[in-house]
Amino acid sequence: MVMCQSCGEFVTATEESGDLVPLSDACPDCGETKFKHIESGRTMDTEET
């Protein structure tokens, strides 16, 4: 699980090649694309390529 950095909504994520990838491109609640993995503190942006 990763948390939306804007509203705090949790989104399911999967691990791919050692990286966490949210299953949604954007938060279903507010549309934000930036997420944070609570356990590691790592942040990710689904819009970054």
Protein backbone atom coordinates (compact mmCIF):
# COMPACT_ATOMS: atom_id res chain seq x y z
CA MET A 1 0.00 0.00 0.00
CA VAL A 2 1.10 3.54 -0.74
CA MET A 3 -0.47 6.76 0.48
CA CYS A 4 -1.52 9.74 -1.63
CA GLN A 5 0.63 12.69 -0.62
CA SER A 6 -2.25 15.10 -1.16
CA CYS A 7 -5.24 13.59 0.65
CA GLY A 8 -3.90 10.53 2.51
CA GLU A 9 -5.99 7.97 0.61
CA PHE A 10 -4.32 4.54 0.43
CA VAL A 11 -3.80 2.83 -2.92
CA THR A 12 -2.68 -0.75 -3.51
CA ALA A 13 0.79 -1.11 -5.00
CA THR A 14 2.73 -4.04 -6.39
CA GLU A 15 6.46 -4.69 -6.51
CA GLU A 16 8.00 -4.78 -9.97
CA SER A 17 11.75 -5.27 -10.47
CA GLY A 18 12.38 -4.18 -6.88
CA ASP A 19 10.30 -1.00 -7.17
CA LEU A 20 6.83 -0.33 -5.78
CA VAL A 21 4.31 0.63 -8.44
CA PRO A 22 0.80 1.88 -7.55
CA LEU A 23 -1.93 -0.08 -9.33
CA SER A 24 -3.67 3.24 -10.11
CA ASP A 25 -2.04 6.03 -12.10
CA ALA A 26 -3.79 8.60 -9.89
CA CYS A 27 -5.48 8.71 -6.51
CA PRO A 28 -9.11 7.62 -6.93
CA ASP A 29 -10.17 10.23 -4.36
CA CYS A 30 -8.41 13.42 -5.51
CA GLY A 31 -6.51 12.64 -8.74
CA GLU A 32 -3.01 13.27 -7.30
CA THR A 33 -0.17 11.26 -8.89
CA LYS A 34 2.34 11.48 -6.02
CA PHE A 35 2.41 8.64 -3.50
CA LYS A 36 4.48 7.68 -0.46
CA HIS A 37 5.36 4.22 0.81
CA ILE A 38 4.79 4.54 4.55
CA GLU A 39 7.21 1.79 5.65
CA SER A 40 10.24 2.99 3.68
CA GLY A 41 9.39 6.68 3.31
CA ARG A 42 10.08 6.43 -0.42
CA THR A 43 8.02 8.69 -2.67
CA MET A 44 6.95 8.11 -6.26
CA ASP A 45 5.16 10.04 -8.98
CA THR A 46 3.23 8.06 -11.58
CA GLU A 47 3.59 10.92 -14.09
CA GLU A 48 7.40 10.73 -14.06
CA THR A 49 8.88 8.69 -16.88
